[in-house]
Protein backbone atom coordinates (compact mmCIF):
# COMPACT_ATOMS: atom_id res chain seq x y z
CA MET A 1 28.30 -34.24 -5.87
CA GLU A 2 24.91 -32.93 -6.12
CA CYS A 3 23.89 -29.39 -5.93
CA ALA A 4 23.01 -28.48 -2.33
CA GLY A 5 20.06 -26.40 -3.74
CA LYS A 6 18.66 -29.49 -5.61
CA GLY A 7 14.98 -29.50 -5.02
CA SER A 8 14.37 -25.60 -5.74
CA ARG A 9 11.68 -24.45 -7.95
CA THR A 10 14.18 -24.53 -10.88
CA ARG A 11 15.92 -27.43 -12.17
CA CYS A 12 19.83 -27.74 -11.82
CA THR A 13 21.73 -26.35 -14.71
CA GLY A 14 24.78 -28.44 -14.54
CA PRO A 15 27.28 -30.07 -12.16
CA ALA A 16 27.81 -28.49 -8.71
CA ILE A 17 31.08 -26.91 -9.23
CA LYS A 18 30.44 -23.43 -7.50
CA ARG A 19 31.41 -23.67 -3.81
CA CYS A 20 30.15 -21.50 -1.07
CA GLY A 21 32.54 -18.71 -0.85
CA ARG A 22 32.77 -18.93 2.94
CA CYS A 23 32.84 -22.51 4.03
CA GLN A 24 33.79 -24.03 0.70
CA ALA A 25 32.20 -27.33 1.86
CA VAL A 26 29.17 -27.25 -0.23
CA GLY A 27 28.55 -26.98 -3.91
CA TYR A 28 25.98 -25.34 -6.35
CA CYS A 29 25.11 -25.70 -9.88
CA SER A 30 24.23 -21.96 -10.27
CA VAL A 31 24.16 -18.62 -8.41
CA SER A 32 20.54 -18.67 -8.27
CA HIS A 33 20.46 -22.10 -6.31
CA GLN A 34 23.18 -20.83 -3.92
CA ILE A 35 20.95 -17.83 -3.10
CA SER A 36 17.85 -19.82 -2.75
CA HIS A 37 19.47 -22.31 -0.53
CA TRP A 38 21.05 -19.69 1.89
CA SER A 39 18.25 -19.72 4.15
CA ILE A 40 18.95 -23.28 4.92
CA HIS A 41 22.73 -23.27 4.74
CA LYS A 42 23.25 -20.08 6.86
CA GLY A 43 22.71 -22.19 10.08
CA GLU A 44 25.54 -24.58 9.09
CA CYS A 45 28.07 -22.52 7.19
CA GLU A 46 30.15 -21.54 10.03
CA ARG A 47 30.41 -24.71 11.34
CA LEU A 48 31.32 -26.31 7.98
CA GLU A 49 34.05 -23.62 7.62
CA GLN A 50 35.55 -24.75 10.67
CA HIS A 51 35.39 -28.39 9.76
CA MET A 52 36.97 -27.51 6.35
CA LYS A 53 40.04 -26.11 8.24
CA GLU A 54 40.48 -29.59 9.88
CA ALA A 55 40.71 -31.39 6.47
CA ASP A 56 44.60 -31.76 6.79
CA VAL A 57 43.89 -33.66 10.03
CA LEU A 58 41.32 -35.84 8.46
CA ASN A 59 43.93 -36.73 5.74
CA ASP A 60 46.60 -37.36 8.19
CA PHE A 61 47.65 -41.19 7.87
CA PRO A 62 51.16 -42.86 8.26
CA PHE A 63 50.89 -44.95 5.29
CA THR A 64 53.08 -44.68 2.19
CA PHE A 65 49.94 -44.35 0.12
CA SER A 66 48.42 -41.74 2.19
CA GLN A 67 48.46 -38.90 -0.43
CA GLU A 68 47.27 -41.25 -3.09
CA ALA A 69 44.33 -42.29 -0.94
CA THR A 70 43.31 -38.98 0.38
CA VAL A 71 44.12 -35.84 -1.53
CA GLN A 72 44.58 -37.35 -4.92
CA VAL A 73 41.27 -39.13 -4.83
CA CYS A 74 39.51 -35.83 -3.59
CA GLU A 75 41.15 -34.00 -6.58
CA LYS A 76 40.23 -36.90 -8.89
CA LEU A 77 43.70 -37.69 -9.98
CA GLU A 78 43.03 -41.14 -8.42
CA THR A 79 39.97 -43.19 -7.83
CA ARG A 80 39.20 -46.12 -5.34
CA CYS A 81 39.31 -48.51 -8.51
CA SER A 82 42.72 -47.30 -9.52
CA PHE A 83 44.01 -47.61 -6.03
CA LEU A 84 42.97 -51.08 -5.72
CA ILE A 85 44.13 -52.19 -9.18
CA LYS A 86 47.77 -50.91 -8.41
CA ARG A 87 47.70 -53.38 -5.54
CA GLY A 88 46.09 -56.31 -7.25
CA ILE A 89 43.04 -56.36 -5.07
CA HIS A 90 40.44 -54.75 -7.23
CA ARG A 91 37.17 -56.66 -7.31
CA VAL A 92 38.48 -59.68 -5.52
CA GLY A 93 37.65 -61.50 -2.21
CA MET A 94 37.00 -59.25 0.58
CA TRP A 95 37.91 -56.24 -1.47
CA MET A 96 34.97 -56.56 -3.76
CA CYS A 97 32.83 -53.85 -2.19
CA GLU A 98 35.53 -51.30 -2.02
CA CYS A 99 34.80 -49.48 -5.09
CA ASN A 100 31.57 -48.53 -6.83
CA CYS A 101 32.10 -51.03 -9.75
CA GLY A 102 32.66 -53.93 -7.46
CA THR A 103 29.61 -53.10 -5.37
CA SER A 104 27.57 -53.00 -8.52
CA LEU A 105 28.57 -56.55 -9.24
CA VAL A 106 28.14 -58.29 -6.06
CA SER A 107 25.09 -59.43 -3.99
CA LEU A 108 25.15 -59.19 -0.29
CA ASP A 109 23.33 -62.69 -0.43
CA HIS A 110 26.77 -64.35 -1.04
CA PRO A 111 26.20 -67.50 1.46
CA ARG A 112 29.85 -68.19 2.08
CA LEU A 113 32.29 -66.59 4.36
CA VAL A 114 34.98 -64.92 2.13
CA ASP A 115 38.10 -65.46 4.28
CA GLY A 116 41.18 -64.42 2.21
CA TRP A 117 43.25 -61.26 2.15
CA CYS A 118 44.57 -62.01 -1.57
CA LEU A 119 47.76 -60.67 -0.26
CA SER A 120 51.20 -62.02 0.81
CA SER A 121 51.71 -63.08 4.25
CA MET A 122 54.11 -60.16 4.64
CA LEU A 123 51.38 -57.70 3.90
CA CYS A 124 48.66 -59.02 6.09
CA PRO A 125 48.01 -60.17 9.69
CA CYS A 126 47.25 -63.73 8.76
CA LYS A 127 49.07 -65.07 11.71
CA GLY A 128 49.11 -64.38 15.28
CA PRO A 129 50.84 -61.33 16.84
CA LEU A 130 54.57 -61.86 17.67
CA SER A 131 54.21 -59.89 20.98
CA PRO A 132 51.35 -59.20 23.47
CA ILE A 133 49.01 -56.45 22.70
CA PRO A 134 50.23 -52.96 24.14
CA GLU A 135 48.25 -51.60 27.00
CA GLN A 136 46.65 -49.47 24.39
CA LEU A 137 46.81 -48.70 20.69
CA ASN A 138 46.15 -45.17 19.78
CA SER A 139 47.06 -44.97 15.98
CA TRP A 140 47.49 -46.99 12.76
CA LYS A 141 51.05 -46.61 13.15
CA GLU A 142 51.17 -48.20 16.63
CA TYR A 143 48.90 -51.11 15.36
CA TYR A 144 51.16 -51.89 12.27
CA GLU A 145 54.23 -51.91 14.32
CA TRP A 146 52.55 -54.20 16.78
CA ARG A 147 51.29 -56.64 14.09
CA CYS A 148 54.71 -56.22 12.03
CA ILE A 149 53.07 -54.95 8.84
CA PRO A 150 54.78 -52.69 6.53
CA LEU A 151 53.13 -49.34 6.13
CA HIS A 152 52.57 -49.99 2.37
CA SER A 153 50.08 -52.74 3.12
CA PRO A 154 46.36 -51.83 2.45
CA VAL A 155 44.92 -54.00 5.03
CA ALA A 156 43.83 -51.08 7.07
CA LEU A 157 41.14 -50.53 4.37
CA LEU A 158 39.40 -53.59 6.02
CA LEU A 159 40.81 -53.66 9.46
CA HIS A 160 39.01 -50.38 10.22
CA TRP A 161 36.13 -52.49 11.16
CA PRO A 162 37.53 -54.38 13.98
CA LEU A 163 39.82 -51.53 15.04
CA THR A 164 36.93 -49.26 15.35
CA ILE A 165 35.17 -51.70 17.49
CA TYR A 166 38.29 -51.94 19.63
CA GLN A 167 38.40 -48.09 19.81
CA ALA A 168 34.54 -48.05 20.78
CA ILE A 169 35.26 -50.34 23.55
CA GLN A 170 38.19 -48.32 24.92
CA LEU A 171 36.21 -45.22 25.02
CA ALA A 172 33.25 -47.00 26.93
CA ALA A 173 35.86 -48.45 29.44
CA LEU A 174 37.44 -45.01 29.84
CA ARG A 175 34.32 -43.72 31.18
CA SER A 176 33.44 -46.93 33.13
CA LEU A 177 30.46 -47.59 30.88
CA ILE A 178 31.59 -51.31 30.70
CA PRO A 179 34.23 -53.52 32.59
CA GLU A 180 37.71 -52.98 31.67
CA THR A 181 38.41 -56.60 32.03
CA SER A 182 36.19 -59.57 31.13
CA ASN A 183 36.52 -62.97 29.84
CA GLU A 184 33.39 -62.42 27.62
CA LEU A 185 32.20 -59.56 25.60
CA PHE A 186 28.78 -59.24 23.97
CA ILE A 187 28.29 -56.53 21.27
CA HIS A 188 25.13 -55.78 19.31
CA TYR A 189 26.31 -54.48 15.98
CA LEU A 190 23.54 -52.47 14.13
CA GLY A 191 23.11 -51.83 10.48
CA PRO A 192 25.95 -53.99 8.71
CA ASP A 193 26.16 -53.66 4.96
CA LYS A 194 29.12 -54.23 2.84
CA GLU A 195 31.13 -55.56 5.78
CA LEU A 196 28.80 -58.69 5.50
CA LEU A 197 31.24 -59.65 2.72
CA GLN A 198 34.17 -58.81 4.85
CA LEU A 199 33.21 -60.75 7.98
CA ALA A 200 36.72 -62.68 8.09
CA ALA A 201 38.41 -59.29 8.99
CA PHE A 202 36.67 -59.47 12.34
CA GLY A 203 38.94 -62.39 13.14
CA GLU A 204 41.36 -59.70 14.14
CA LEU A 205 39.33 -59.40 17.32
CA HIS A 206 41.34 -62.47 18.51
CA ALA A 207 44.45 -60.47 18.58
CA LEU A 208 42.88 -57.22 19.91
CA PHE A 209 41.08 -59.06 22.82
CA PRO A 210 43.11 -61.90 23.70
CA GLY A 211 41.61 -64.51 25.96
CA VAL A 212 38.26 -63.08 25.59
CA LYS A 213 35.18 -64.75 23.94
CA VAL A 214 33.62 -62.15 21.72
CA HIS A 215 29.97 -62.69 20.73
CA MET A 216 28.58 -60.21 18.17
CA GLU A 217 24.99 -59.97 16.93
CA LEU A 218 25.07 -58.28 13.59
CA VAL A 219 21.47 -56.78 13.15
CA GLY A 220 20.18 -55.08 10.13
CA PRO A 221 17.84 -54.78 7.04
CA ALA A 222 20.78 -55.42 4.63
CA ILE A 223 21.06 -59.16 5.86
CA PRO A 224 18.93 -61.30 3.57
CA GLU A 225 16.04 -63.11 5.16
CA TYR A 226 17.42 -66.64 4.35
CA ARG A 227 20.62 -65.72 6.36
CA ASP A 228 18.60 -64.85 9.46
CA GLY A 229 20.19 -66.87 12.41
CA ASP A 230 23.21 -67.73 10.64
CA THR A 231 26.21 -68.29 13.01
CA MET A 232 30.02 -68.10 12.14
CA ASP A 233 32.62 -69.11 14.39
CA LEU A 234 35.94 -67.38 13.44
CA HIS A 235 38.53 -69.91 14.37
CA SER A 236 41.56 -67.94 12.78
CA TYR A 237 42.43 -64.91 11.19
CA ALA A 238 41.81 -64.13 7.60
CA HIS A 239 44.10 -65.92 5.30
CA CYS A 240 46.96 -64.79 2.98
CA PHE A 241 47.38 -66.35 -0.56
CA GLU A 242 50.62 -68.36 0.22
CA ALA A 243 49.88 -72.11 0.27
CA ASP A 244 52.60 -73.00 2.64
CA CYS A 245 51.90 -70.08 5.22
CA ILE A 246 50.86 -71.47 8.85
CA CYS A 247 47.58 -69.61 8.53
CA LYS A 248 46.61 -72.61 6.22
CA SER A 249 47.60 -75.25 8.81
CA SER A 250 45.13 -78.02 9.19
CA ASP A 251 46.56 -79.07 12.63
CA LYS A 252 43.85 -77.85 15.00
CA ASN A 253 46.41 -77.81 17.99
CA VAL A 254 48.90 -75.56 15.96
CA ARG A 255 46.01 -73.51 14.75
CA SER A 256 44.64 -72.95 18.44
CA SER A 257 47.89 -72.34 20.06
CA LEU A 258 49.63 -70.21 17.55
CA LEU A 259 46.83 -68.45 15.82
CA ILE A 260 44.17 -67.44 18.34
CA GLY A 261 45.19 -68.62 21.68
CA LYS A 262 43.76 -71.15 23.99
CA TYR A 263 40.49 -69.44 25.25
CA SER A 264 39.78 -66.97 22.43
CA ALA A 265 36.73 -67.13 20.36
CA VAL A 266 34.89 -64.82 18.03
CA THR A 267 31.11 -65.87 17.14
CA LEU A 268 29.26 -63.72 14.68
CA ARG A 269 25.28 -64.32 14.25
CA LEU A 270 23.24 -62.52 11.60
CA ARG A 271 19.75 -61.17 12.40
CA THR A 272 17.48 -59.72 9.65
CA GLY A 273 15.56 -56.50 10.34
CA TYR A 274 15.65 -53.43 12.58
CA TYR A 275 17.22 -53.58 16.06
CA HIS A 276 14.07 -52.25 17.69
CA ASP A 277 11.92 -55.09 16.15
CA ARG A 278 14.40 -57.91 17.09
CA TYR A 279 15.84 -56.87 20.41
CA LYS A 280 13.54 -58.93 22.69
CA GLU A 281 14.18 -62.22 20.81
CA ILE A 282 17.93 -61.35 20.62
CA ALA A 283 18.58 -60.36 24.19
CA LYS A 284 17.23 -63.70 25.34
CA ASP A 285 20.47 -65.27 24.41
CA SER A 286 22.75 -62.06 24.40
CA PHE A 287 22.45 -59.07 26.51
CA PRO A 288 24.96 -56.44 25.27
CA HIS A 289 27.81 -54.95 26.97
CA LEU A 290 28.01 -52.53 24.09
CA ILE A 291 26.01 -51.47 21.23
CA PHE A 292 27.88 -50.17 18.00
CA ALA A 293 26.61 -48.76 14.92
CA PRO A 294 28.95 -47.97 12.12
CA ASN A 295 28.47 -45.19 9.59
CA ALA A 296 24.99 -44.94 11.34
CA GLY A 297 23.35 -41.96 9.59
CA ILE A 298 21.00 -41.33 12.40
CA ALA A 299 19.75 -37.84 11.18
CA ALA A 300 19.00 -39.43 7.70
CA TYR A 301 16.77 -42.25 8.74
CA ARG A 302 13.63 -42.29 10.60
CA SER A 303 13.97 -45.67 11.63
CA TRP A 304 16.57 -44.74 14.00
CA LEU A 305 13.93 -43.03 16.39
CA PRO A 306 12.67 -46.38 17.98
CA THR A 307 15.98 -47.75 18.19
CA ILE A 308 17.30 -44.77 20.02
CA GLU A 309 14.35 -44.83 22.43
CA LEU A 310 15.05 -48.55 23.15
CA ILE A 311 18.80 -47.98 23.84
CA LYS A 312 17.84 -45.30 26.30
CA GLU A 313 15.56 -47.53 27.99
CA MET A 314 18.09 -50.38 28.10
CA ASN A 315 20.57 -47.99 29.69
CA VAL A 316 23.49 -49.84 27.70
CA PRO A 317 26.32 -47.85 26.38
CA ALA A 318 25.94 -47.16 22.52
CA VAL A 319 28.73 -45.84 20.24
CA PHE A 320 28.09 -44.78 16.74
CA SER A 321 30.27 -43.63 13.79
CA ASP A 322 29.73 -41.58 10.87
CA TYR A 323 31.54 -40.35 7.59
CA CYS A 324 32.11 -36.75 8.55
CA GLU A 325 31.86 -34.52 11.57
CA GLU A 326 28.87 -32.66 10.45
CA ALA A 327 26.90 -35.91 10.11
CA CYS A 328 27.73 -36.59 13.80
CA HIS A 329 26.65 -33.21 15.01
CA LEU A 330 23.32 -33.79 13.35
CA ALA A 331 23.12 -37.11 14.81
CA THR A 332 23.80 -35.89 18.42
CA ALA A 333 21.24 -33.38 18.03
CA CYS A 334 18.74 -35.82 17.10
CA ILE A 335 19.81 -38.14 20.11
CA SER A 336 19.48 -35.18 22.46
CA THR A 337 16.00 -34.20 21.30
CA ILE A 338 14.96 -37.75 21.75
CA THR A 339 16.60 -38.66 24.93
CA GLY A 340 16.98 -35.16 26.58
CA CYS A 341 20.49 -35.49 27.36
CA PRO A 342 23.83 -34.65 25.46
CA PRO A 343 26.07 -37.36 24.24
CA THR A 344 27.93 -39.27 27.07
CA ILE A 345 30.92 -39.63 24.56
CA PRO A 346 31.44 -36.42 22.74
CA ILE A 347 32.17 -36.37 18.86
CA GLN A 348 35.85 -37.15 18.26
CA LEU A 349 38.04 -38.21 15.39
CA ASN A 350 38.47 -41.96 15.08
CA PRO A 351 42.23 -42.93 14.84
CA PHE A 352 41.27 -46.20 13.05
CA ARG A 353 39.14 -44.61 10.45
CA GLN A 354 39.42 -46.14 6.95
CA PRO A 355 42.34 -44.50 5.09
CA LEU A 356 40.67 -44.36 1.69
CA VAL A 357 38.58 -41.23 1.15
CA VAL A 358 34.80 -41.66 0.14
CA GLU A 359 34.28 -40.73 -3.53
CA ASP A 360 31.43 -38.35 -4.52
CA SER A 361 30.43 -37.44 -1.14
CA ALA A 362 27.64 -34.82 -0.25
CA LEU A 363 30.24 -32.37 0.71
CA PHE A 364 33.63 -31.10 -0.43
CA LEU A 365 34.86 -32.05 3.20
CA PRO A 366 36.89 -35.31 3.04
CA CYS A 367 34.77 -38.24 4.19
CA TYR A 368 35.92 -41.48 5.57
CA SER A 369 34.22 -44.66 6.74
CA ASN A 370 34.01 -44.84 10.55
CA CYS A 371 35.61 -41.23 10.48
CA PHE A 372 34.18 -39.82 13.67
CA LEU A 373 32.74 -41.44 16.86
CA PHE A 374 30.43 -40.43 19.52
CA GLY A 375 28.23 -42.28 22.11
CA MET A 376 25.21 -42.24 24.49
C-alpha cells in the first residue's frame, strides 16, 4: 500500500504502516505525511470509518475457503498465488490472470479462446443445470446449490463475471428499466481487461438466461486492434479436464439439447477503443438493452466523461461496479455532476462479488472485484 500522503513536499520515509487513528482505512509512512494529508482526508474520514465497520459483511462468503481467501490474504498470511497453487490452478488456463505473477507473464493479445476450467467435472459447471433456474438467485450459496457444485470449488473466482451481469439485469428489471422477459438480450460491456482471457466463463449465461439469445459487445482500449471485430459464439459451457465428460461430446445434437438448450445462444464481439468513439458504429447492429461496466473506476479516468454524457443522451440503463464502496461513492458524485441526477440504482453490495480479496489495494478496507453495484 502506498502512503496516502505521497506527493507531499517531502519524500516518503518508508512503507505506509501507520493508519489513520479514526477510520483505520488509509495508511501513512510518517506522522508528517499524515498531518499534511489531513486537509484532503478529513472530508472522507468519517465515511471510510463507516465502511471499515462493514468489513465483516464484505468478507462474508459461504465457501469452505472463505477465511483463507479474505482475512488471511488481507493479513498477508496467504496470497492469491498460494490460494491458487493449493488448488492446482495457478498460472493455468482461465486462471492465468488471477494473480500478479500470472498477469506479468501473459498478454491479452492471446488469439484463442481459453475454454477449460482445469478442474474435475464435480467442481465446475461444465454441464447444463439439472433443474430449472430459480425465479431469482440471491447469493453464491443459492447458485452453488442450484448448479450442484460443492462449496470448496473455486469457480466463483471466475463466475463472478457472468453472475454480476445476471445481478445487474435483475436490478434493472426490478426498476422496470428493461423488460423482465425477452427472447433476445443486447448488452454493451465496457472496459474488459483480464476477462478477455476468461471469456469461456460467460458460457454460464446459457444457464442464467435459458432460451434467450444473449449478444454482448465488449468495448475497450485493452482489446488489441487486430482483434477488433472478432466474434465468438459460445456453443457450450467451459469444459472440465475429464476426457470422458459429456461436456467434451462431439455430438452436436447432444451438445444442443443437454448443454445449452434448443434456443439459447451467447455471442461475444470485441471492439477496440472507447465506447463514445465506437458507439455509432456498434449501434447500427446492436442497440443495447443494458450497458454494463465492471470495476469501472469512473472517478479515476477522465475518459469516462464523454461516455457518461453519451449514456445520458441514449437514455439506456447502465450498471457499474467497483472494488469498494468508496470508489462507488466518488463515481456517483461524478455522474451526478455530469448528468444533474442522482443514481437510478443506489450503491449496493453485489452478492456475486469475487470471493478472493484484492492484494495491495489503496485502502486497508477489503476490496473485491465487482464488489459494489450502482446505476444510472
